[in-house]
Amino acid sequence: MTGSTEKESYAMEHIPAAAWLTEAANAADKQGPGNLLRVVLIAMIIGGVLGAWFLLRGYKRDN
């Protein structure tokens, strides 16, 4: 590929692993309410399963 632009060559620049990990750690702090959302979703799923179990156990019939 001839005639590559400076922007294209910059995008393909090698980034050392230490710099990449540092950038990833810095970006993780700016992700927003990820942990809170995970906790809320897990609590909703567990609550739904327990609620279904509680309601459905009443339909159990002993012969």
Protein backbone atom coordinates (compact mmCIF):
# COMPACT_ATOMS: atom_id res chain seq x y z
CA MET A 1 0.00 0.00 0.00
CA THR A 2 1.72 3.10 -1.16
CA GLY A 3 0.91 6.64 -0.17
CA SER A 4 -0.07 5.90 3.41
CA THR A 5 -0.84 9.01 5.36
CA GLU A 6 0.74 10.09 8.61
CA LYS A 7 -2.53 9.41 10.47
CA GLU A 8 -2.62 5.80 9.25
CA SER A 9 0.98 5.17 10.26
CA TYR A 10 0.33 6.71 13.70
CA ALA A 11 -2.66 4.38 14.22
CA MET A 12 -0.43 1.35 13.63
CA GLU A 13 2.26 2.52 16.06
CA HIS A 14 3.49 -0.10 18.52
CA ILE A 15 2.45 0.58 22.12
CA PRO A 16 4.51 -1.17 24.82
CA ALA A 17 2.61 -3.51 27.14
CA ALA A 18 3.26 -1.37 30.22
CA ALA A 19 1.86 1.74 28.54
CA TRP A 20 -1.14 -0.22 27.28
CA LEU A 21 -1.90 -1.55 30.77
CA THR A 22 -1.55 1.93 32.25
CA GLU A 23 -3.98 3.34 29.70
CA ALA A 24 -6.42 0.49 30.34
CA ALA A 25 -6.28 1.10 34.11
CA ASN A 26 -6.88 4.82 33.63
CA ALA A 27 -9.81 4.17 31.31
CA ALA A 28 -11.36 1.70 33.78
CA ASP A 29 -11.76 4.49 36.33
CA LYS A 30 -13.84 6.52 33.87
CA GLN A 31 -16.34 3.81 32.94
CA GLY A 32 -19.19 5.07 35.10
CA PRO A 33 -21.62 3.08 37.25
CA GLY A 34 -20.47 -0.36 36.09
CA ASN A 35 -20.06 -2.02 39.48
CA LEU A 36 -23.33 -0.65 40.84
CA LEU A 37 -25.19 -1.80 37.75
CA ARG A 38 -23.71 -5.30 38.07
CA VAL A 39 -24.78 -5.55 41.71
CA VAL A 40 -28.31 -4.36 40.90
CA LEU A 41 -28.66 -6.82 38.01
CA ILE A 42 -27.37 -9.75 40.05
CA ALA A 43 -29.72 -8.86 42.91
CA MET A 44 -32.65 -8.67 40.48
CA ILE A 45 -31.84 -12.07 39.00
CA ILE A 46 -31.44 -13.72 42.41
CA GLY A 47 -34.63 -12.06 43.63
CA GLY A 48 -36.52 -13.24 40.56
CA VAL A 49 -35.32 -16.80 41.01
CA LEU A 50 -36.21 -16.82 44.71
CA GLY A 51 -39.60 -15.23 44.02
CA ALA A 52 -40.39 -17.80 41.33
CA TRP A 53 -39.31 -20.63 43.62
CA PHE A 54 -41.48 -19.27 46.45
CA LEU A 55 -44.54 -18.92 44.23
CA LEU A 56 -44.12 -22.20 42.40
CA ARG A 57 -43.51 -24.29 45.52
CA GLY A 58 -47.16 -23.71 46.45
CA TYR A 59 -48.22 -25.66 43.35
CA LYS A 60 -46.39 -28.78 44.45
CA ARG A 61 -48.89 -31.61 44.98
CA ASP A 62 -48.42 -34.51 47.31
CA ASN A 63 -50.10 -37.70 46.06
